[in-house]
């Protein structure tokens, strides 16, 4: 179920895409109280970053573990159970029905929320065709979103381009978390389906995942606060 009220500062999730724990801790210290929500993905998780989850939670922060689990049901379930014990708020799985079902069942009784990744924001229709999919991005996102909703998944990870359509389709029952956020003037990097923070919020996104525009800024704290101010303005 989507929370009734989310403070603008809590809607920004800063991606700690750094090569090690020391670099992550340095950035967390630089950001201070300006950021309340962090994402730990492959790079940091595989460099010993998972113990950071508990430390951040103890400090009153929220953590999104972005590992995009996908495997046989039993393996996914055991992984979800382990992640749930760390104190994370969100965990991603790929939006395949068997994977989502196993994850939803395994997180029962915990505070962990499962997010299903519909289609990666670095993919376009040509990429899906090359991978053997018969559906384009929009059709595949819609199919997986309906499956996720039916299976009791807590939210979806989607590009901001799909947020408005998904919000209309699923109502307010699921969180929408959008990567591919680039403030005006930022480099797009390897993302293909991007949007500014204000436009993403207006489209129906609940949480915005931002990495490089904050992490690589000369003033990361100032960059984070500027995005939060844009979010607040978009919310009116």
C-alpha atoms as a PDB file:
ATOM      1  CA  UNK A   1       0.000   0.000   0.000  1.00  0.00           C
ATOM      2  CA  UNK A   2       1.294   3.432  -0.887  1.00  0.00           C
ATOM      3  CA  UNK A   3       1.946   5.727   2.082  1.00  0.00           C
ATOM      4  CA  UNK A   4      -0.615   8.510   2.426  1.00  0.00           C
ATOM      5  CA  UNK A   5       1.981  11.239   2.873  1.00  0.00           C
ATOM      6  CA  UNK A   6       5.634  11.291   1.883  1.00  0.00           C
ATOM      7  CA  UNK A   7       7.698  14.341   2.798  1.00  0.00           C
ATOM      8  CA  UNK A   8       9.477  15.916  -0.201  1.00  0.00           C
ATOM      9  CA  UNK A   9      12.922  15.240   1.295  1.00  0.00           C
ATOM     10  CA  UNK A  10      12.036  11.543   1.749  1.00  0.00           C
ATOM     11  CA  UNK A  11      11.120  11.194  -1.929  1.00  0.00           C
ATOM     12  CA  UNK A  12      14.730  11.587  -3.047  1.00  0.00           C
ATOM     13  CA  UNK A  13      16.736   8.348  -2.969  1.00  0.00           C
ATOM     14  CA  UNK A  14      20.447   8.937  -3.493  1.00  0.00           C
ATOM     15  CA  UNK A  15      22.206   6.059  -5.209  1.00  0.00           C
ATOM     16  CA  UNK A  16      25.487   5.225  -3.454  1.00  0.00           C
ATOM     17  CA  UNK A  17      27.157   4.034  -6.629  1.00  0.00           C
ATOM     18  CA  UNK A  18      30.707   4.012  -5.271  1.00  0.00           C
ATOM     19  CA  UNK A  19      33.438   1.334  -5.220  1.00  0.00           C
ATOM     20  CA  UNK A  20      33.657   0.798  -1.485  1.00  0.00           C
ATOM     21  CA  UNK A  21      32.337   1.410   2.010  1.00  0.00           C
ATOM     22  CA  UNK A  22      34.808   4.193   2.803  1.00  0.00           C
ATOM     23  CA  UNK A  23      33.676   6.224  -0.204  1.00  0.00           C
ATOM     24  CA  UNK A  24      30.037   5.621   0.708  1.00  0.00           C
ATOM     25  CA  UNK A  25      30.565   6.710   4.300  1.00  0.00           C
ATOM     26  CA  UNK A  26      32.381   9.838   3.130  1.00  0.00           C
ATOM     27  CA  UNK A  27      29.480  10.779   0.872  1.00  0.00           C
ATOM     28  CA  UNK A  28      26.909  10.042   3.587  1.00  0.00           C
ATOM     29  CA  UNK A  29      28.816  12.350   5.917  1.00  0.00           C
ATOM     30  CA  UNK A  30      28.942  15.092   3.262  1.00  0.00           C
ATOM     31  CA  UNK A  31      25.210  14.837   2.660  1.00  0.00           C
ATOM     32  CA  UNK A  32      24.412  14.799   6.373  1.00  0.00           C
ATOM     33  CA  UNK A  33      20.810  15.467   7.327  1.00  0.00           C
ATOM     34  CA  UNK A  34      19.911  16.632   3.831  1.00  0.00           C
ATOM     35  CA  UNK A  35      19.329  13.051   2.614  1.00  0.00           C
ATOM     36  CA  UNK A  36      17.150  10.499   4.383  1.00  0.00           C
ATOM     37  CA  UNK A  37      17.035   7.682   1.825  1.00  0.00           C
ATOM     38  CA  UNK A  38      19.895   5.818   0.131  1.00  0.00           C
ATOM     39  CA  UNK A  39      20.164   3.116  -2.494  1.00  0.00           C
ATOM     40  CA  UNK A  40      22.761   0.361  -2.339  1.00  0.00           C
ATOM     41  CA  UNK A  41      23.218  -1.461  -5.640  1.00  0.00           C
ATOM     42  CA  UNK A  42      25.536  -4.072  -7.099  1.00  0.00           C
ATOM     43  CA  UNK A  43      28.747  -2.079  -6.950  1.00  0.00           C
ATOM     44  CA  UNK A  44      28.615  -1.230  -3.255  1.00  0.00           C
ATOM     45  CA  UNK A  45      26.816  -4.403  -2.123  1.00  0.00           C
ATOM     46  CA  UNK A  46      29.503  -6.596  -3.669  1.00  0.00           C
ATOM     47  CA  UNK A  47      32.238  -4.423  -2.144  1.00  0.00           C
ATOM     48  CA  UNK A  48      31.117  -5.156   1.418  1.00  0.00           C
ATOM     49  CA  UNK A  49      28.377  -2.546   1.603  1.00  0.00           C
ATOM     50  CA  UNK A  50      25.467  -4.575   2.968  1.00  0.00           C
ATOM     51  CA  UNK A  51      26.429  -4.012   6.638  1.00  0.00           C
ATOM     52  CA  UNK A  52      25.850  -0.309   5.911  1.00  0.00           C
ATOM     53  CA  UNK A  53      22.136  -1.078   5.791  1.00  0.00           C
ATOM     54  CA  UNK A  54      21.913  -1.678   9.522  1.00  0.00           C
ATOM     55  CA  UNK A  55      24.097   1.304  10.360  1.00  0.00           C
ATOM     56  CA  UNK A  56      22.022   3.623   8.206  1.00  0.00           C
ATOM     57  CA  UNK A  57      18.789   2.247   9.661  1.00  0.00           C
ATOM     58  CA  UNK A  58      20.122   2.784  13.182  1.00  0.00           C
ATOM     59  CA  UNK A  59      20.849   6.398  12.200  1.00  0.00           C
ATOM     60  CA  UNK A  60      17.236   6.902  11.155  1.00  0.00           C
ATOM     61  CA  UNK A  61      17.830   6.559   7.411  1.00  0.00           C
ATOM     62  CA  UNK A  62      15.972   4.376   4.929  1.00  0.00           C
ATOM     63  CA  UNK A  63      17.720   2.024   2.539  1.00  0.00           C
ATOM     64  CA  UNK A  64      16.726   0.693  -0.861  1.00  0.00           C
ATOM     65  CA  UNK A  65      18.662  -2.465  -1.757  1.00  0.00           C
ATOM     66  CA  UNK A  66      18.740  -2.702  -5.532  1.00  0.00           C
ATOM     67  CA  UNK A  67      19.842  -6.228  -6.377  1.00  0.00           C
ATOM     68  CA  UNK A  68      17.104  -7.082  -8.898  1.00  0.00           C
ATOM     69  CA  UNK A  69      16.760 -10.670  -7.744  1.00  0.00           C
ATOM     70  CA  UNK A  70      15.682 -13.269 -10.286  1.00  0.00           C
ATOM     71  CA  UNK A  71      16.131 -17.000  -9.880  1.00  0.00           C
ATOM     72  CA  UNK A  72      14.113 -20.093  -9.036  1.00  0.00           C
ATOM     73  CA  UNK A  73      11.488 -19.408  -6.397  1.00  0.00           C
ATOM     74  CA  UNK A  74      13.246 -21.086  -3.471  1.00  0.00           C
ATOM     75  CA  UNK A  75      16.483 -19.180  -4.093  1.00  0.00           C
ATOM     76  CA  UNK A  76      14.657 -15.856  -4.366  1.00  0.00           C
ATOM     77  CA  UNK A  77      12.724 -16.562  -1.169  1.00  0.00           C
ATOM     78  CA  UNK A  78      15.850 -17.349   0.840  1.00  0.00           C
ATOM     79  CA  UNK A  79      17.531 -14.202  -0.452  1.00  0.00           C
ATOM     80  CA  UNK A  80      14.536 -12.048   0.462  1.00  0.00           C
ATOM     81  CA  UNK A  81      14.466 -13.510   3.971  1.00  0.00           C
ATOM     82  CA  UNK A  82      18.131 -12.592   4.442  1.00  0.00           C
ATOM     83  CA  UNK A  83      17.631  -9.059   3.137  1.00  0.00           C
ATOM     84  CA  UNK A  84      14.566  -8.563   5.345  1.00  0.00           C
ATOM     85  CA  UNK A  85      16.716  -9.205   8.418  1.00  0.00           C
ATOM     86  CA  UNK A  86      19.017  -6.280   7.555  1.00  0.00           C
ATOM     87  CA  UNK A  87      16.430  -3.561   8.108  1.00  0.00           C
ATOM     88  CA  UNK A  88      16.065  -2.321   4.528  1.00  0.00           C
ATOM     89  CA  UNK A  89      12.935  -0.520   3.345  1.00  0.00           C
ATOM     90  CA  UNK A  90      12.906  -1.575  -0.333  1.00  0.00           C
ATOM     91  CA  UNK A  91      14.302  -4.517  -2.289  1.00  0.00           C
ATOM     92  CA  UNK A  92      14.081  -4.979  -6.053  1.00  0.00           C
ATOM     93  CA  UNK A  93      13.276  -8.134  -7.959  1.00  0.00           C
ATOM     94  CA  UNK A  94      12.778  -8.561 -11.679  1.00  0.00           C
ATOM     95  CA  UNK A  95       9.107  -8.577 -12.629  1.00  0.00           C
ATOM     96  CA  UNK A  96       8.772 -12.222 -13.619  1.00  0.00           C
ATOM     97  CA  UNK A  97       5.674 -13.806 -12.049  1.00  0.00           C
ATOM     98  CA  UNK A  98       7.429 -16.712 -10.290  1.00  0.00           C
ATOM     99  CA  UNK A  99      10.088 -14.384  -8.895  1.00  0.00           C
ATOM    100  CA  UNK A 100       7.551 -11.842  -7.667  1.00  0.00           C
ATOM    101  CA  UNK A 101       5.382 -14.502  -6.058  1.00  0.00           C
ATOM    102  CA  UNK A 102       8.313 -15.999  -4.154  1.00  0.00           C
ATOM    103  CA  UNK A 103       9.515 -12.570  -2.996  1.00  0.00           C
ATOM    104  CA  UNK A 104       6.072 -11.426  -1.847  1.00  0.00           C
ATOM    105  CA  UNK A 105       5.563 -14.577   0.191  1.00  0.00           C
ATOM    106  CA  UNK A 106       9.058 -14.488   1.717  1.00  0.00           C
ATOM    107  CA  UNK A 107       8.808 -10.893   2.956  1.00  0.00           C
ATOM    108  CA  UNK A 108       5.578 -11.595   4.884  1.00  0.00           C
ATOM    109  CA  UNK A 109       5.831 -10.518   8.515  1.00  0.00           C
ATOM    110  CA  UNK A 110       8.677  -8.072   7.891  1.00  0.00           C
ATOM    111  CA  UNK A 111       8.780  -4.345   7.111  1.00  0.00           C
ATOM    112  CA  UNK A 112      10.533  -4.953   3.800  1.00  0.00           C
ATOM    113  CA  UNK A 113       8.694  -3.792   0.690  1.00  0.00           C
ATOM    114  CA  UNK A 114       9.243  -5.497  -2.651  1.00  0.00           C
ATOM    115  CA  UNK A 115       9.642  -3.430  -5.796  1.00  0.00           C
ATOM    116  CA  UNK A 116       9.325  -5.083  -9.184  1.00  0.00           C
ATOM    117  CA  UNK A 117      11.567  -3.835 -11.990  1.00  0.00           C
ATOM    118  CA  UNK A 118       9.452  -3.634 -15.126  1.00  0.00           C
ATOM    119  CA  UNK A 119      11.931  -2.746 -17.896  1.00  0.00           C
ATOM    120  CA  UNK A 120      15.364  -1.255 -17.249  1.00  0.00           C
ATOM    121  CA  UNK A 121      15.565   2.457 -18.055  1.00  0.00           C
ATOM    122  CA  UNK A 122      18.592   1.847 -20.284  1.00  0.00           C
ATOM    123  CA  UNK A 123      16.425  -0.282 -22.617  1.00  0.00           C
ATOM    124  CA  UNK A 124      14.356   0.835 -25.573  1.00  0.00           C
ATOM    125  CA  UNK A 125      12.228  -1.119 -28.048  1.00  0.00           C
ATOM    126  CA  UNK A 126      15.278  -2.076 -30.102  1.00  0.00           C
ATOM    127  CA  UNK A 127      17.028  -3.511 -27.072  1.00  0.00           C
ATOM    128  CA  UNK A 128      14.017  -5.665 -26.206  1.00  0.00           C
ATOM    129  CA  UNK A 129      13.768  -6.917 -29.768  1.00  0.00           C
ATOM    130  CA  UNK A 130      17.464  -7.828 -29.748  1.00  0.00           C
ATOM    131  CA  UNK A 131      16.887  -9.757 -26.504  1.00  0.00           C
ATOM    132  CA  UNK A 132      14.105 -11.804 -28.079  1.00  0.00           C
ATOM    133  CA  UNK A 133      11.037 -10.076 -26.629  1.00  0.00           C
ATOM    134  CA  UNK A 134       7.990  -9.765 -28.860  1.00  0.00           C
ATOM    135  CA  UNK A 135       6.619  -6.802 -26.894  1.00  0.00           C
ATOM    136  CA  UNK A 136       7.898  -3.248 -26.963  1.00  0.00           C
ATOM    137  CA  UNK A 137       8.747  -1.298 -23.818  1.00  0.00           C
ATOM    138  CA  UNK A 138       5.281   0.150 -23.163  1.00  0.00           C
ATOM    139  CA  UNK A 139       3.416  -3.128 -23.643  1.00  0.00           C
ATOM    140  CA  UNK A 140       5.884  -5.124 -21.547  1.00  0.00           C
ATOM    141  CA  UNK A 141       5.830  -2.568 -18.729  1.00  0.00           C
ATOM    142  CA  UNK A 142       2.021  -2.682 -18.642  1.00  0.00           C
ATOM    143  CA  UNK A 143       1.913  -6.486 -18.651  1.00  0.00           C
ATOM    144  CA  UNK A 144       4.425  -6.786 -15.827  1.00  0.00           C
ATOM    145  CA  UNK A 145       2.737  -4.047 -13.800  1.00  0.00           C
ATOM    146  CA  UNK A 146      -0.603  -5.848 -13.895  1.00  0.00           C
ATOM    147  CA  UNK A 147       1.065  -9.104 -12.871  1.00  0.00           C
ATOM    148  CA  UNK A 148       2.869  -7.367  -9.998  1.00  0.00           C
ATOM    149  CA  UNK A 149      -0.338  -5.802  -8.726  1.00  0.00           C
ATOM    150  CA  UNK A 150      -2.151  -9.144  -8.830  1.00  0.00           C
ATOM    151  CA  UNK A 151       0.660 -10.792  -6.842  1.00  0.00           C
ATOM    152  CA  UNK A 152       0.643  -8.194  -4.065  1.00  0.00           C
ATOM    153  CA  UNK A 153       3.940  -6.488  -4.904  1.00  0.00           C
ATOM    154  CA  UNK A 154       4.402  -3.204  -3.032  1.00  0.00           C
ATOM    155  CA  UNK A 155       5.674  -1.058  -5.869  1.00  0.00           C
ATOM    156  CA  UNK A 156       7.166  -0.778  -9.317  1.00  0.00           C
ATOM    157  CA  UNK A 157      10.435   0.507 -10.646  1.00  0.00           C
ATOM    158  CA  UNK A 158       9.765   2.148 -13.973  1.00  0.00           C
ATOM    159  CA  UNK A 159      11.098   4.925 -16.115  1.00  0.00           C
ATOM    160  CA  UNK A 160       9.457   8.329 -15.553  1.00  0.00           C
ATOM    161  CA  UNK A 161       8.075   8.060 -19.079  1.00  0.00           C
ATOM    162  CA  UNK A 162       5.782   5.236 -17.924  1.00  0.00           C
ATOM    163  CA  UNK A 163       4.837   6.741 -14.550  1.00  0.00           C
ATOM    164  CA  UNK A 164       1.703   8.616 -15.634  1.00  0.00           C
ATOM    165  CA  UNK A 165       0.238   5.640 -17.485  1.00  0.00           C
ATOM    166  CA  UNK A 166       1.030   3.252 -14.645  1.00  0.00           C
ATOM    167  CA  UNK A 167      -0.433   5.595 -12.036  1.00  0.00           C
ATOM    168  CA  UNK A 168      -3.680   5.731 -13.993  1.00  0.00           C
ATOM    169  CA  UNK A 169      -3.647   1.970 -14.398  1.00  0.00           C
ATOM    170  CA  UNK A 170      -2.842   0.868 -10.822  1.00  0.00           C
ATOM    171  CA  UNK A 171      -4.290   3.803  -8.881  1.00  0.00           C
ATOM    172  CA  UNK A 172      -2.686   4.678  -5.544  1.00  0.00           C
ATOM    173  CA  UNK A 173      -2.188   1.118  -4.333  1.00  0.00           C
ATOM    174  CA  UNK A 174       1.477   0.783  -5.270  1.00  0.00           C
ATOM    175  CA  UNK A 175       4.585   2.924  -4.990  1.00  0.00           C
ATOM    176  CA  UNK A 176       6.221   4.101  -8.201  1.00  0.00           C
ATOM    177  CA  UNK A 177       9.991   4.464  -7.969  1.00  0.00           C
ATOM    178  CA  UNK A 178      11.722   6.079 -10.917  1.00  0.00           C
ATOM    179  CA  UNK A 179      15.402   6.039 -11.833  1.00  0.00           C
ATOM    180  CA  UNK A 180      16.540   7.884 -14.941  1.00  0.00           C
ATOM    181  CA  UNK A 181      16.089  11.253 -13.206  1.00  0.00           C
ATOM    182  CA  UNK A 182      18.224  14.049 -14.583  1.00  0.00           C
ATOM    183  CA  UNK A 183      17.891  17.674 -13.436  1.00  0.00           C
ATOM    184  CA  UNK A 184      17.902  20.185 -16.298  1.00  0.00           C
ATOM    185  CA  UNK A 185      21.391  20.493 -17.745  1.00  0.00           C
ATOM    186  CA  UNK A 186      22.651  17.137 -16.443  1.00  0.00           C
ATOM    187  CA  UNK A 187      24.314  14.595 -18.713  1.00  0.00           C
ATOM    188  CA  UNK A 188      22.082  11.664 -19.652  1.00  0.00           C
ATOM    189  CA  UNK A 189      24.852   9.074 -19.308  1.00  0.00           C
ATOM    190  CA  UNK A 190      23.702   5.574 -20.294  1.00  0.00           C
ATOM    191  CA  UNK A 191      20.024   6.227 -19.614  1.00  0.00           C
ATOM    192  CA  UNK A 192      17.602   6.370 -22.544  1.00  0.00           C
ATOM    193  CA  UNK A 193      14.256   7.081 -20.858  1.00  0.00           C
ATOM    194  CA  UNK A 194      14.835  10.078 -18.591  1.00  0.00           C
ATOM    195  CA  UNK A 195      12.950  13.040 -17.080  1.00  0.00           C
ATOM    196  CA  UNK A 196      13.516  16.000 -14.749  1.00  0.00           C
ATOM    197  CA  UNK A 197      12.486  15.658 -11.076  1.00  0.00           C
ATOM    198  CA  UNK A 198       9.512  18.015 -11.410  1.00  0.00           C
ATOM    199  CA  UNK A 199       8.133  16.249 -14.468  1.00  0.00           C
ATOM    200  CA  UNK A 200       8.558  12.817 -12.866  1.00  0.00           C
ATOM    201  CA  UNK A 201       6.641  13.888  -9.750  1.00  0.00           C
ATOM    202  CA  UNK A 202       3.932  15.465 -11.884  1.00  0.00           C
ATOM    203  CA  UNK A 203       3.671  12.189 -13.801  1.00  0.00           C
ATOM    204  CA  UNK A 204       2.885  10.290 -10.610  1.00  0.00           C
ATOM    205  CA  UNK A 205       6.223   9.062  -9.278  1.00  0.00           C
ATOM    206  CA  UNK A 206       6.492   8.653  -5.501  1.00  0.00           C
ATOM    207  CA  UNK A 207      10.265   8.287  -5.175  1.00  0.00           C
ATOM    208  CA  UNK A 208      13.081   9.498  -7.440  1.00  0.00           C
ATOM    209  CA  UNK A 209      16.395   7.662  -7.600  1.00  0.00           C
ATOM    210  CA  UNK A 210      19.278   9.998  -8.387  1.00  0.00           C
ATOM    211  CA  UNK A 211      22.910   8.959  -8.618  1.00  0.00           C
ATOM    212  CA  UNK A 212      25.444  10.863 -10.677  1.00  0.00           C
ATOM    213  CA  UNK A 213      23.775  14.311 -10.557  1.00  0.00           C
ATOM    214  CA  UNK A 214      24.267  14.231  -6.771  1.00  0.00           C
ATOM    215  CA  UNK A 215      27.285  11.970  -6.337  1.00  0.00           C
ATOM    216  CA  UNK A 216      29.390  13.730  -8.977  1.00  0.00           C
ATOM    217  CA  UNK A 217      28.315  17.281  -8.123  1.00  0.00           C
ATOM    218  CA  UNK A 218      30.863  19.770  -6.824  1.00  0.00           C
ATOM    219  CA  UNK A 219      28.444  20.335  -3.944  1.00  0.00           C
ATOM    220  CA  UNK A 220      26.523  17.065  -3.401  1.00  0.00           C
ATOM    221  CA  UNK A 221      24.500  18.439  -0.488  1.00  0.00           C
ATOM    222  CA  UNK A 222      23.470  21.479  -2.485  1.00  0.00           C
ATOM    223  CA  UNK A 223      22.540  19.283  -5.462  1.00  0.00           C
ATOM    224  CA  UNK A 224      20.380  17.033  -3.262  1.00  0.00           C
ATOM    225  CA  UNK A 225      18.635  19.994  -1.648  1.00  0.00           C
ATOM    226  CA  UNK A 226      17.956  21.554  -5.055  1.00  0.00           C
ATOM    227  CA  UNK A 227      16.264  18.350  -6.221  1.00  0.00           C
ATOM    228  CA  UNK A 228      14.213  18.194  -3.023  1.00  0.00           C
ATOM    229  CA  UNK A 229      13.146  21.807  -3.545  1.00  0.00           C
ATOM    230  CA  UNK A 230      12.090  20.971  -7.111  1.00  0.00           C
ATOM    231  CA  UNK A 231      10.093  18.013  -5.784  1.00  0.00           C
ATOM    232  CA  UNK A 232       8.364  20.208  -3.188  1.00  0.00           C
ATOM    233  CA  UNK A 233       7.497  22.787  -5.827  1.00  0.00           C
ATOM    234  CA  UNK A 234       6.084  20.113  -8.124  1.00  0.00           C
ATOM    235  CA  UNK A 235       3.898  18.833  -5.301  1.00  0.00           C
ATOM    236  CA  UNK A 236       2.507  22.333  -4.853  1.00  0.00           C
END
